[in-house]
């Protein structure tokens, strides 16, 4: 099974291909790379995910890449965690949104 990494503190201008190239140049084979963008504005959110090719060690990649600079910014690299299911709504508020009444 391929390993997935979270890559944070990306420069806003980095593309999927540039992220993939950066990881490849560090000596790791990449299956896919995805920079996350805001759905409304299309701007980068400054983080992304890299799926390493089969057989690559995510711990080695994390140790080698964490703190490395890309575009002048030190990256934060961790093993990606699975998304949580069963969310209770916006910011864990139990699904209720407090609304302000104008008087």
PDB file of N, CA and C in Angstrom:
ATOM      1  N   UNK A   1       0.843  -1.185   0.000  1.00  0.00           N
ATOM      2  CA  UNK A   1       0.000   0.000   0.000  1.00  0.00           C
ATOM      3  C   UNK A   1       0.886   1.246   0.000  1.00  0.00           C
ATOM      4  N   UNK A   2       0.537   2.229  -0.797  1.00  0.00           N
ATOM      5  CA  UNK A   2       1.307   3.461  -0.901  1.00  0.00           C
ATOM      6  C   UNK A   2       1.111   4.307   0.357  1.00  0.00           C
ATOM      7  N   UNK A   3       2.104   5.122   0.675  1.00  0.00           N
ATOM      8  CA  UNK A   3       2.055   5.997   1.845  1.00  0.00           C
ATOM      9  C   UNK A   3       1.686   7.400   1.415  1.00  0.00           C
ATOM     10  N   UNK A   4       0.926   8.075   2.272  1.00  0.00           N
ATOM     11  CA  UNK A   4       0.492   9.425   1.955  1.00  0.00           C
ATOM     12  C   UNK A   4       1.068  10.396   2.971  1.00  0.00           C
ATOM     13  N   UNK A   5       1.623  11.503   2.467  1.00  0.00           N
ATOM     14  CA  UNK A   5       2.218  12.524   3.311  1.00  0.00           C
ATOM     15  C   UNK A   5       1.407  13.811   3.242  1.00  0.00           C
ATOM     16  N   UNK A   6       1.328  14.501   4.375  1.00  0.00           N
ATOM     17  CA  UNK A   6       0.790  15.850   4.437  1.00  0.00           C
ATOM     18  C   UNK A   6       1.985  16.782   4.301  1.00  0.00           C
ATOM     19  N   UNK A   7       1.887  17.776   3.425  1.00  0.00           N
ATOM     20  CA  UNK A   7       2.960  18.754   3.240  1.00  0.00           C
ATOM     21  C   UNK A   7       2.369  20.137   3.475  1.00  0.00           C
ATOM     22  N   UNK A   8       2.810  20.785   4.540  1.00  0.00           N
ATOM     23  CA  UNK A   8       2.286  22.095   4.904  1.00  0.00           C
ATOM     24  C   UNK A   8       3.305  23.202   4.718  1.00  0.00           C
ATOM     25  N   UNK A   9       2.834  24.428   4.799  1.00  0.00           N
ATOM     26  CA  UNK A   9       3.614  25.656   4.645  1.00  0.00           C
ATOM     27  C   UNK A   9       4.154  25.811   3.227  1.00  0.00           C
ATOM     28  N   UNK A  10       3.357  25.350   2.262  1.00  0.00           N
ATOM     29  CA  UNK A  10       3.740  25.498   0.855  1.00  0.00           C
ATOM     30  C   UNK A  10       3.578  26.945   0.410  1.00  0.00           C
ATOM     31  N   UNK A  11       4.466  27.419  -0.450  1.00  0.00           N
ATOM     32  CA  UNK A  11       4.244  28.735  -1.057  1.00  0.00           C
ATOM     33  C   UNK A  11       2.938  28.688  -1.860  1.00  0.00           C
ATOM     34  N   UNK A  12       2.208  29.766  -1.884  1.00  0.00           N
ATOM     35  CA  UNK A  12       0.895  29.801  -2.561  1.00  0.00           C
ATOM     36  C   UNK A  12       1.001  29.565  -4.063  1.00  0.00           C
ATOM     37  N   UNK A  13       2.187  29.757  -4.620  1.00  0.00           N
ATOM     38  CA  UNK A  13       2.357  29.628  -6.073  1.00  0.00           C
ATOM     39  C   UNK A  13       2.732  28.217  -6.530  1.00  0.00           C
ATOM     40  N   UNK A  14       2.973  27.292  -5.611  1.00  0.00           N
ATOM     41  CA  UNK A  14       3.426  25.941  -5.974  1.00  0.00           C
ATOM     42  C   UNK A  14       2.292  25.139  -6.613  1.00  0.00           C
ATOM     43  N   UNK A  15       2.613  24.464  -7.708  1.00  0.00           N
ATOM     44  CA  UNK A  15       1.634  23.627  -8.407  1.00  0.00           C
ATOM     45  C   UNK A  15       1.825  22.166  -8.002  1.00  0.00           C
ATOM     46  N   UNK A  16       0.876  21.327  -8.418  1.00  0.00           N
ATOM     47  CA  UNK A  16       0.978  19.889  -8.164  1.00  0.00           C
ATOM     48  C   UNK A  16       2.286  19.342  -8.734  1.00  0.00           C
ATOM     49  N   UNK A  17       2.604  19.723  -9.958  1.00  0.00           N
ATOM     50  CA  UNK A  17       3.811  19.245 -10.618  1.00  0.00           C
ATOM     51  C   UNK A  17       5.083  19.681  -9.918  1.00  0.00           C
ATOM     52  N   UNK A  18       5.112  20.928  -9.457  1.00  0.00           N
ATOM     53  CA  UNK A  18       6.291  21.425  -8.743  1.00  0.00           C
ATOM     54  C   UNK A  18       6.489  20.694  -7.425  1.00  0.00           C
ATOM     55  N   UNK A  19       5.391  20.395  -6.733  1.00  0.00           N
ATOM     56  CA  UNK A  19       5.472  19.636  -5.485  1.00  0.00           C
ATOM     57  C   UNK A  19       5.998  18.230  -5.768  1.00  0.00           C
ATOM     58  N   UNK A  20       5.474  17.597  -6.786  1.00  0.00           N
ATOM     59  CA  UNK A  20       5.923  16.264  -7.176  1.00  0.00           C
ATOM     60  C   UNK A  20       7.406  16.269  -7.534  1.00  0.00           C
ATOM     61  N   UNK A  21       7.830  17.255  -8.318  1.00  0.00           N
ATOM     62  CA  UNK A  21       9.240  17.365  -8.724  1.00  0.00           C
ATOM     63  C   UNK A  21      10.160  17.551  -7.518  1.00  0.00           C
ATOM     64  N   UNK A  22       9.719  18.357  -6.556  1.00  0.00           N
ATOM     65  CA  UNK A  22      10.516  18.613  -5.354  1.00  0.00           C
ATOM     66  C   UNK A  22      10.752  17.315  -4.580  1.00  0.00           C
ATOM     67  N   UNK A  23       9.698  16.519  -4.407  1.00  0.00           N
ATOM     68  CA  UNK A  23       9.808  15.253  -3.670  1.00  0.00           C
ATOM     69  C   UNK A  23      10.683  14.269  -4.452  1.00  0.00           C
ATOM     70  N   UNK A  24      10.510  14.233  -5.759  1.00  0.00           N
ATOM     71  CA  UNK A  24      11.304  13.347  -6.612  1.00  0.00           C
ATOM     72  C   UNK A  24      12.791  13.713  -6.551  1.00  0.00           C
ATOM     73  N   UNK A  25      13.095  15.016  -6.597  1.00  0.00           N
ATOM     74  CA  UNK A  25      14.487  15.468  -6.532  1.00  0.00           C
ATOM     75  C   UNK A  25      15.134  15.143  -5.184  1.00  0.00           C
ATOM     76  N   UNK A  26      14.289  14.971  -4.151  1.00  0.00           N
ATOM     77  CA  UNK A  26      14.805  14.590  -2.833  1.00  0.00           C
ATOM     78  C   UNK A  26      15.093  13.094  -2.759  1.00  0.00           C
ATOM     79  N   UNK A  27      14.756  12.358  -3.834  1.00  0.00           N
ATOM     80  CA  UNK A  27      15.098  10.943  -3.901  1.00  0.00           C
ATOM     81  C   UNK A  27      13.968   9.973  -3.644  1.00  0.00           C
ATOM     82  N   UNK A  28      12.733  10.454  -3.679  1.00  0.00           N
ATOM     83  CA  UNK A  28      11.579   9.588  -3.425  1.00  0.00           C
ATOM     84  C   UNK A  28      10.702   9.497  -4.672  1.00  0.00           C
ATOM     85  N   UNK A  29      10.170   8.310  -4.914  1.00  0.00           N
ATOM     86  CA  UNK A  29       9.274   8.126  -6.057  1.00  0.00           C
ATOM     87  C   UNK A  29       7.859   8.533  -5.644  1.00  0.00           C
ATOM     88  N   UNK A  30       7.216   9.313  -6.498  1.00  0.00           N
ATOM     89  CA  UNK A  30       5.897   9.875  -6.218  1.00  0.00           C
ATOM     90  C   UNK A  30       4.840   9.224  -7.103  1.00  0.00           C
ATOM     91  N   UNK A  31       3.739   8.782  -6.479  1.00  0.00           N
ATOM     92  CA  UNK A  31       2.599   8.257  -7.233  1.00  0.00           C
ATOM     93  C   UNK A  31       1.676   9.411  -7.624  1.00  0.00           C
ATOM     94  N   UNK A  32       1.479  10.365  -6.706  1.00  0.00           N
ATOM     95  CA  UNK A  32       0.641  11.530  -7.005  1.00  0.00           C
ATOM     96  C   UNK A  32       0.953  12.655  -6.028  1.00  0.00           C
ATOM     97  N   UNK A  33       0.674  13.877  -6.460  1.00  0.00           N
ATOM     98  CA  UNK A  33       0.847  15.054  -5.615  1.00  0.00           C
ATOM     99  C   UNK A  33      -0.323  15.991  -5.880  1.00  0.00           C
ATOM    100  N   UNK A  34      -0.890  16.540  -4.811  1.00  0.00           N
ATOM    101  CA  UNK A  34      -2.052  17.409  -4.942  1.00  0.00           C
ATOM    102  C   UNK A  34      -1.940  18.577  -3.978  1.00  0.00           C
ATOM    103  N   UNK A  35      -1.918  19.788  -4.528  1.00  0.00           N
ATOM    104  CA  UNK A  35      -1.959  21.004  -3.723  1.00  0.00           C
ATOM    105  C   UNK A  35      -3.429  21.350  -3.551  1.00  0.00           C
ATOM    106  N   UNK A  36      -3.852  21.614  -2.316  1.00  0.00           N
ATOM    107  CA  UNK A  36      -5.255  21.894  -2.025  1.00  0.00           C
ATOM    108  C   UNK A  36      -5.561  23.373  -2.278  1.00  0.00           C
ATOM    109  N   UNK A  37      -6.679  23.608  -2.976  1.00  0.00           N
ATOM    110  CA  UNK A  37      -7.101  24.973  -3.327  1.00  0.00           C
ATOM    111  C   UNK A  37      -8.464  25.273  -2.722  1.00  0.00           C
ATOM    112  N   UNK A  38      -8.702  26.546  -2.423  1.00  0.00           N
ATOM    113  CA  UNK A  38      -9.988  27.011  -1.935  1.00  0.00           C
ATOM    114  C   UNK A  38     -11.017  26.864  -3.044  1.00  0.00           C
ATOM    115  N   UNK A  39     -12.164  26.286  -2.736  1.00  0.00           N
ATOM    116  CA  UNK A  39     -13.188  26.055  -3.757  1.00  0.00           C
ATOM    117  C   UNK A  39     -13.774  27.347  -4.311  1.00  0.00           C
ATOM    118  N   UNK A  40     -13.853  28.360  -3.472  1.00  0.00           N
ATOM    119  CA  UNK A  40     -14.468  29.614  -3.899  1.00  0.00           C
ATOM    120  C   UNK A  40     -13.503  30.499  -4.701  1.00  0.00           C
ATOM    121  N   UNK A  41     -12.276  30.627  -4.223  1.00  0.00           N
ATOM    122  CA  UNK A  41     -11.341  31.558  -4.856  1.00  0.00           C
ATOM    123  C   UNK A  41     -10.369  30.878  -5.811  1.00  0.00           C
ATOM    124  N   UNK A  42     -10.163  29.576  -5.643  1.00  0.00           N
ATOM    125  CA  UNK A  42      -9.208  28.861  -6.465  1.00  0.00           C
ATOM    126  C   UNK A  42      -7.770  29.031  -6.009  1.00  0.00           C
ATOM    127  N   UNK A  43      -7.553  29.804  -4.937  1.00  0.00           N
ATOM    128  CA  UNK A  43      -6.200  30.039  -4.425  1.00  0.00           C
ATOM    129  C   UNK A  43      -5.729  28.851  -3.595  1.00  0.00           C
ATOM    130  N   UNK A  44      -4.426  28.634  -3.608  1.00  0.00           N
ATOM    131  CA  UNK A  44      -3.843  27.566  -2.803  1.00  0.00           C
ATOM    132  C   UNK A  44      -4.084  27.835  -1.321  1.00  0.00           C
ATOM    133  N   UNK A  45      -4.326  26.757  -0.573  1.00  0.00           N
ATOM    134  CA  UNK A  45      -4.488  26.885   0.872  1.00  0.00           C
ATOM    135  C   UNK A  45      -3.152  26.724   1.601  1.00  0.00           C
ATOM    136  N   UNK A  46      -2.078  26.485   0.847  1.00  0.00           N
ATOM    137  CA  UNK A  46      -0.758  26.398   1.458  1.00  0.00           C
ATOM    138  C   UNK A  46      -0.394  25.015   1.975  1.00  0.00           C
ATOM    139  N   UNK A  47      -1.162  24.010   1.591  1.00  0.00           N
ATOM    140  CA  UNK A  47      -0.805  22.647   1.964  1.00  0.00           C
ATOM    141  C   UNK A  47      -1.243  21.684   0.878  1.00  0.00           C
ATOM    142  N   UNK A  48      -0.737  20.480   0.956  1.00  0.00           N
ATOM    143  CA  UNK A  48      -1.088  19.480  -0.035  1.00  0.00           C
ATOM    144  C   UNK A  48      -0.770  18.089   0.463  1.00  0.00           C
ATOM    145  N   UNK A  49      -0.967  17.118  -0.411  1.00  0.00           N
ATOM    146  CA  UNK A  49      -0.742  15.720  -0.073  1.00  0.00           C
ATOM    147  C   UNK A  49       0.077  15.076  -1.178  1.00  0.00           C
ATOM    148  N   UNK A  50       0.999  14.214  -0.757  1.00  0.00           N
ATOM    149  CA  UNK A  50       1.833  13.480  -1.695  1.00  0.00           C
ATOM    150  C   UNK A  50       1.670  11.998  -1.386  1.00  0.00           C
ATOM    151  N   UNK A  51       1.325  11.241  -2.400  1.00  0.00           N
ATOM    152  CA  UNK A  51       1.258   9.799  -2.249  1.00  0.00           C
ATOM    153  C   UNK A  51       2.552   9.237  -2.814  1.00  0.00           C
ATOM    154  N   UNK A  52       3.298   8.555  -1.959  1.00  0.00           N
ATOM    155  CA  UNK A  52       4.560   7.966  -2.378  1.00  0.00           C
ATOM    156  C   UNK A  52       4.292   6.677  -3.138  1.00  0.00           C
ATOM    157  N   UNK A  53       5.189   6.351  -4.043  1.00  0.00           N
ATOM    158  CA  UNK A  53       5.066   5.124  -4.823  1.00  0.00           C
ATOM    159  C   UNK A  53       5.200   3.913  -3.909  1.00  0.00           C
ATOM    160  N   UNK A  54       4.672   2.815  -4.372  1.00  0.00           N
ATOM    161  CA  UNK A  54       4.732   1.548  -3.638  1.00  0.00           C
ATOM    162  C   UNK A  54       6.166   1.238  -3.243  1.00  0.00           C
ATOM    163  N   UNK A  55       6.357   0.860  -1.990  1.00  0.00           N
ATOM    164  CA  UNK A  55       7.683   0.493  -1.518  1.00  0.00           C
ATOM    165  C   UNK A  55       8.468   1.621  -0.884  1.00  0.00           C
ATOM    166  N   UNK A  56       8.030   2.860  -1.041  1.00  0.00           N
ATOM    167  CA  UNK A  56       8.733   3.988  -0.420  1.00  0.00           C
ATOM    168  C   UNK A  56       8.366   4.046   1.062  1.00  0.00           C
ATOM    169  N   UNK A  57       9.311   4.412   1.905  1.00  0.00           N
ATOM    170  CA  UNK A  57       9.112   4.475   3.346  1.00  0.00           C
ATOM    171  C   UNK A  57       8.691   5.895   3.738  1.00  0.00           C
ATOM    172  N   UNK A  58       7.485   6.027   4.277  1.00  0.00           N
ATOM    173  CA  UNK A  58       6.972   7.353   4.627  1.00  0.00           C
ATOM    174  C   UNK A  58       7.747   7.966   5.786  1.00  0.00           C
ATOM    175  N   UNK A  59       8.241   7.144   6.714  1.00  0.00           N
ATOM    176  CA  UNK A  59       9.009   7.691   7.831  1.00  0.00           C
ATOM    177  C   UNK A  59      10.328   8.285   7.343  1.00  0.00           C
ATOM    178  N   UNK A  60      10.975   7.610   6.415  1.00  0.00           N
ATOM    179  CA  UNK A  60      12.224   8.138   5.838  1.00  0.00           C
ATOM    180  C   UNK A  60      11.953   9.435   5.095  1.00  0.00           C
ATOM    181  N   UNK A  61      10.872   9.464   4.336  1.00  0.00           N
ATOM    182  CA  UNK A  61      10.519  10.667   3.588  1.00  0.00           C
ATOM    183  C   UNK A  61      10.198  11.818   4.532  1.00  0.00           C
ATOM    184  N   UNK A  62       9.464  11.528   5.589  1.00  0.00           N
ATOM    185  CA  UNK A  62       9.105  12.563   6.559  1.00  0.00           C
ATOM    186  C   UNK A  62      10.355  13.156   7.189  1.00  0.00           C
ATOM    187  N   UNK A  63      11.265  12.297   7.618  1.00  0.00           N
ATOM    188  CA  UNK A  63      12.502  12.770   8.250  1.00  0.00           C
ATOM    189  C   UNK A  63      13.359  13.569   7.276  1.00  0.00           C
ATOM    190  N   UNK A  64      13.427  13.128   6.029  1.00  0.00           N
ATOM    191  CA  UNK A  64      14.264  13.802   5.038  1.00  0.00           C
ATOM    192  C   UNK A  64      13.680  15.136   4.578  1.00  0.00           C
ATOM    193  N   UNK A  65      12.358  15.221   4.497  1.00  0.00           N
ATOM    194  CA  UNK A  65      11.717  16.394   3.899  1.00  0.00           C
ATOM    195  C   UNK A  65      11.269  17.450   4.904  1.00  0.00           C
ATOM    196  N   UNK A  66      10.963  17.062   6.126  1.00  0.00           N
ATOM    197  CA  UNK A  66      10.471  18.014   7.120  1.00  0.00           C
ATOM    198  C   UNK A  66      11.531  19.080   7.383  1.00  0.00           C
ATOM    199  N   UNK A  67      11.157  20.333   7.219  1.00  0.00           N
ATOM    200  CA  UNK A  67      12.075  21.448   7.425  1.00  0.00           C
ATOM    201  C   UNK A  67      12.828  21.882   6.179  1.00  0.00           C
ATOM    202  N   UNK A  68      12.769  21.076   5.111  1.00  0.00           N
ATOM    203  CA  UNK A  68      13.416  21.465   3.852  1.00  0.00           C
ATOM    204  C   UNK A  68      12.695  22.674   3.267  1.00  0.00           C
ATOM    205  N   UNK A  69      13.434  23.546   2.615  1.00  0.00           N
ATOM    206  CA  UNK A  69      12.850  24.768   2.058  1.00  0.00           C
ATOM    207  C   UNK A  69      12.382  24.554   0.624  1.00  0.00           C
ATOM    208  N   UNK A  70      11.185  25.050   0.353  1.00  0.00           N
ATOM    209  CA  UNK A  70      10.638  25.093  -0.999  1.00  0.00           C
ATOM    210  C   UNK A  70      10.130  26.508  -1.208  1.00  0.00           C
ATOM    211  N   UNK A  71      10.678  27.192  -2.181  1.00  0.00           N
ATOM    212  CA  UNK A  71      10.282  28.580  -2.421  1.00  0.00           C
ATOM    213  C   UNK A  71      10.579  29.480  -1.244  1.00  0.00           C
ATOM    214  N   UNK A  72      11.651  29.159  -0.500  1.00  0.00           N
ATOM    215  CA  UNK A  72      12.033  29.989   0.639  1.00  0.00           C
ATOM    216  C   UNK A  72      11.254  29.716   1.915  1.00  0.00           C
ATOM    217  N   UNK A  73      10.395  28.703   1.909  1.00  0.00           N
ATOM    218  CA  UNK A  73       9.588  28.393   3.094  1.00  0.00           C
ATOM    219  C   UNK A  73       9.924  27.000   3.602  1.00  0.00           C
ATOM    220  N   UNK A  74      10.157  26.852   4.915  1.00  0.00           N
ATOM    221  CA  UNK A  74      10.443  25.528   5.472  1.00  0.00           C
ATOM    222  C   UNK A  74       9.155  24.693   5.522  1.00  0.00           C
ATOM    223  N   UNK A  75       9.208  23.514   4.938  1.00  0.00           N
ATOM    224  CA  UNK A  75       8.020  22.667   4.867  1.00  0.00           C
ATOM    225  C   UNK A  75       7.777  21.919   6.164  1.00  0.00           C
ATOM    226  N   UNK A  76       6.504  21.666   6.425  1.00  0.00           N
ATOM    227  CA  UNK A  76       6.087  20.792   7.508  1.00  0.00           C
ATOM    228  C   UNK A  76       5.599  19.519   6.852  1.00  0.00           C
ATOM    229  N   UNK A  77       6.245  18.411   7.129  1.00  0.00           N
ATOM    230  CA  UNK A  77       5.893  17.146   6.485  1.00  0.00           C
ATOM    231  C   UNK A  77       5.588  16.111   7.566  1.00  0.00           C
ATOM    232  N   UNK A  78       4.414  15.512   7.467  1.00  0.00           N
ATOM    233  CA  UNK A  78       3.971  14.468   8.387  1.00  0.00           C
ATOM    234  C   UNK A  78       3.274  13.381   7.599  1.00  0.00           C
ATOM    235  N   UNK A  79       3.111  12.225   8.229  1.00  0.00           N
ATOM    236  CA  UNK A  79       2.265  11.203   7.616  1.00  0.00           C
ATOM    237  C   UNK A  79       0.839  11.726   7.645  1.00  0.00           C
ATOM    238  N   UNK A  80       0.142  11.599   6.535  1.00  0.00           N
ATOM    239  CA  UNK A  80      -1.240  12.074   6.466  1.00  0.00           C
ATOM    240  C   UNK A  80      -2.116  11.190   7.333  1.00  0.00           C
ATOM    241  N   UNK A  81      -3.069  11.798   8.010  1.00  0.00           N
ATOM    242  CA  UNK A  81      -4.024  11.057   8.826  1.00  0.00           C
ATOM    243  C   UNK A  81      -5.306  10.885   8.037  1.00  0.00           C
ATOM    244  N   UNK A  82      -6.010   9.775   8.253  1.00  0.00           N
ATOM    245  CA  UNK A  82      -7.286   9.591   7.558  1.00  0.00           C
ATOM    246  C   UNK A  82      -8.279  10.671   7.983  1.00  0.00           C
ATOM    247  N   UNK A  83      -9.158  11.040   7.066  1.00  0.00           N
ATOM    248  CA  UNK A  83     -10.172  12.031   7.405  1.00  0.00           C
ATOM    249  C   UNK A  83     -11.115  11.454   8.437  1.00  0.00           C
ATOM    250  N   UNK A  84     -11.590  12.308   9.303  1.00  0.00           N
ATOM    251  CA  UNK A  84     -12.524  11.877  10.341  1.00  0.00           C
ATOM    252  C   UNK A  84     -13.915  11.748   9.755  1.00  0.00           C
ATOM    253  N   UNK A  85     -14.616  10.732  10.201  1.00  0.00           N
ATOM    254  CA  UNK A  85     -16.001  10.553   9.789  1.00  0.00           C
ATOM    255  C   UNK A  85     -16.902  10.829  10.972  1.00  0.00           C
ATOM    256  N   UNK A  86     -18.156  11.100  10.693  1.00  0.00           N
ATOM    257  CA  UNK A  86     -19.112  11.338  11.764  1.00  0.00           C
ATOM    258  C   UNK A  86     -18.986  12.700  12.389  1.00  0.00           C
ATOM    259  N   UNK A  87     -18.547  13.674  11.636  1.00  0.00           N
ATOM    260  CA  UNK A  87     -18.420  15.033  12.145  1.00  0.00           C
ATOM    261  C   UNK A  87     -19.770  15.523  12.639  1.00  0.00           C
ATOM    262  N   UNK A  88     -19.732  16.261  13.727  1.00  0.00           N
ATOM    263  CA  UNK A  88     -20.982  16.722  14.318  1.00  0.00           C
ATOM    264  C   UNK A  88     -21.430  18.073  13.781  1.00  0.00           C
ATOM    265  N   UNK A  89     -20.799  18.562  12.746  1.00  0.00           N
ATOM    266  CA  UNK A  89     -21.233  19.830  12.164  1.00  0.00           C
ATOM    267  C   UNK A  89     -20.123  20.851  12.200  1.00  0.00           C
ATOM    268  N   UNK A  90     -20.484  22.095  11.935  1.00  0.00           N
ATOM    269  CA  UNK A  90     -19.479  23.139  11.878  1.00  0.00           C
ATOM    270  C   UNK A  90     -18.730  23.294  13.200  1.00  0.00           C
ATOM    271  N   UNK A  91     -17.426  23.085  13.152  1.00  0.00           N
ATOM    272  CA  UNK A  91     -16.534  23.272  14.292  1.00  0.00           C
ATOM    273  C   UNK A  91     -16.988  22.517  15.536  1.00  0.00           C
ATOM    274  N   UNK A  92     -17.622  21.363  15.352  1.00  0.00           N
ATOM    275  CA  UNK A  92     -18.002  20.529  16.481  1.00  0.00           C
ATOM    276  C   UNK A  92     -19.109  21.108  17.328  1.00  0.00           C
ATOM    277  N   UNK A  93     -19.928  21.954  16.757  1.00  0.00           N
ATOM    278  CA  UNK A  93     -20.964  22.616  17.543  1.00  0.00           C
ATOM    279  C   UNK A  93     -22.225  21.787  17.677  1.00  0.00           C
ATOM    280  N   UNK A  94     -22.195  20.527  17.276  1.00  0.00           N
ATOM    281  CA  UNK A  94     -23.379  19.706  17.390  1.00  0.00           C
ATOM    282  C   UNK A  94     -24.379  19.984  16.287  1.00  0.00           C
ATOM    283  N   UNK A  95     -23.969  20.710  15.269  1.00  0.00           N
ATOM    284  CA  UNK A  95     -24.857  20.987  14.148  1.00  0.00           C
ATOM    285  C   UNK A  95     -25.694  22.243  14.309  1.00  0.00           C
ATOM    286  N   UNK A  96     -25.623  22.884  15.465  1.00  0.00           N
ATOM    287  CA  UNK A  96     -26.400  24.093  15.695  1.00  0.00           C
ATOM    288  C   UNK A  96     -25.534  25.305  15.448  1.00  0.00           C
ATOM    289  N   UNK A  97     -26.089  26.261  14.774  1.00  0.00           N
ATOM    290  CA  UNK A  97     -25.369  27.494  14.502  1.00  0.00           C
ATOM    291  C   UNK A  97     -26.090  28.619  15.225  1.00  0.00           C
ATOM    292  N   UNK A  98     -25.358  29.317  16.051  1.00  0.00           N
ATOM    293  CA  UNK A  98     -25.934  30.425  16.790  1.00  0.00           C
ATOM    294  C   UNK A  98     -26.081  31.605  15.851  1.00  0.00           C
ATOM    295  N   UNK A  99     -27.267  32.113  15.722  1.00  0.00           N
ATOM    296  CA  UNK A  99     -27.506  33.230  14.814  1.00  0.00           C
ATOM    297  C   UNK A  99     -27.808  34.498  15.598  1.00  0.00           C
ATOM    298  N   UNK A 100     -27.315  35.577  15.093  1.00  0.00           N
ATOM    299  CA  UNK A 100     -27.519  36.868  15.728  1.00  0.00           C
ATOM    300  C   UNK A 100     -28.797  37.485  15.170  1.00  0.00           C
ATOM    301  N   UNK A 101     -29.591  37.999  16.042  1.00  0.00           N
ATOM    302  CA  UNK A 101     -30.823  38.678  15.601  1.00  0.00           C
ATOM    303  C   UNK A 101     -30.581  40.185  15.573  1.00  0.00           C
ATOM    304  N   UNK A 102     -30.924  40.770  14.462  1.00  0.00           N
ATOM    305  CA  UNK A 102     -30.846  42.240  14.375  1.00  0.00           C
ATOM    306  C   UNK A 102     -32.143  42.809  14.917  1.00  0.00           C
ATOM    307  N   UNK A 103     -32.032  43.769  15.780  1.00  0.00           N
ATOM    308  CA  UNK A 103     -33.240  44.350  16.388  1.00  0.00           C
ATOM    309  C   UNK A 103     -33.515  45.705  15.871  1.00  0.00           C
TER     310      UNK A 103
END
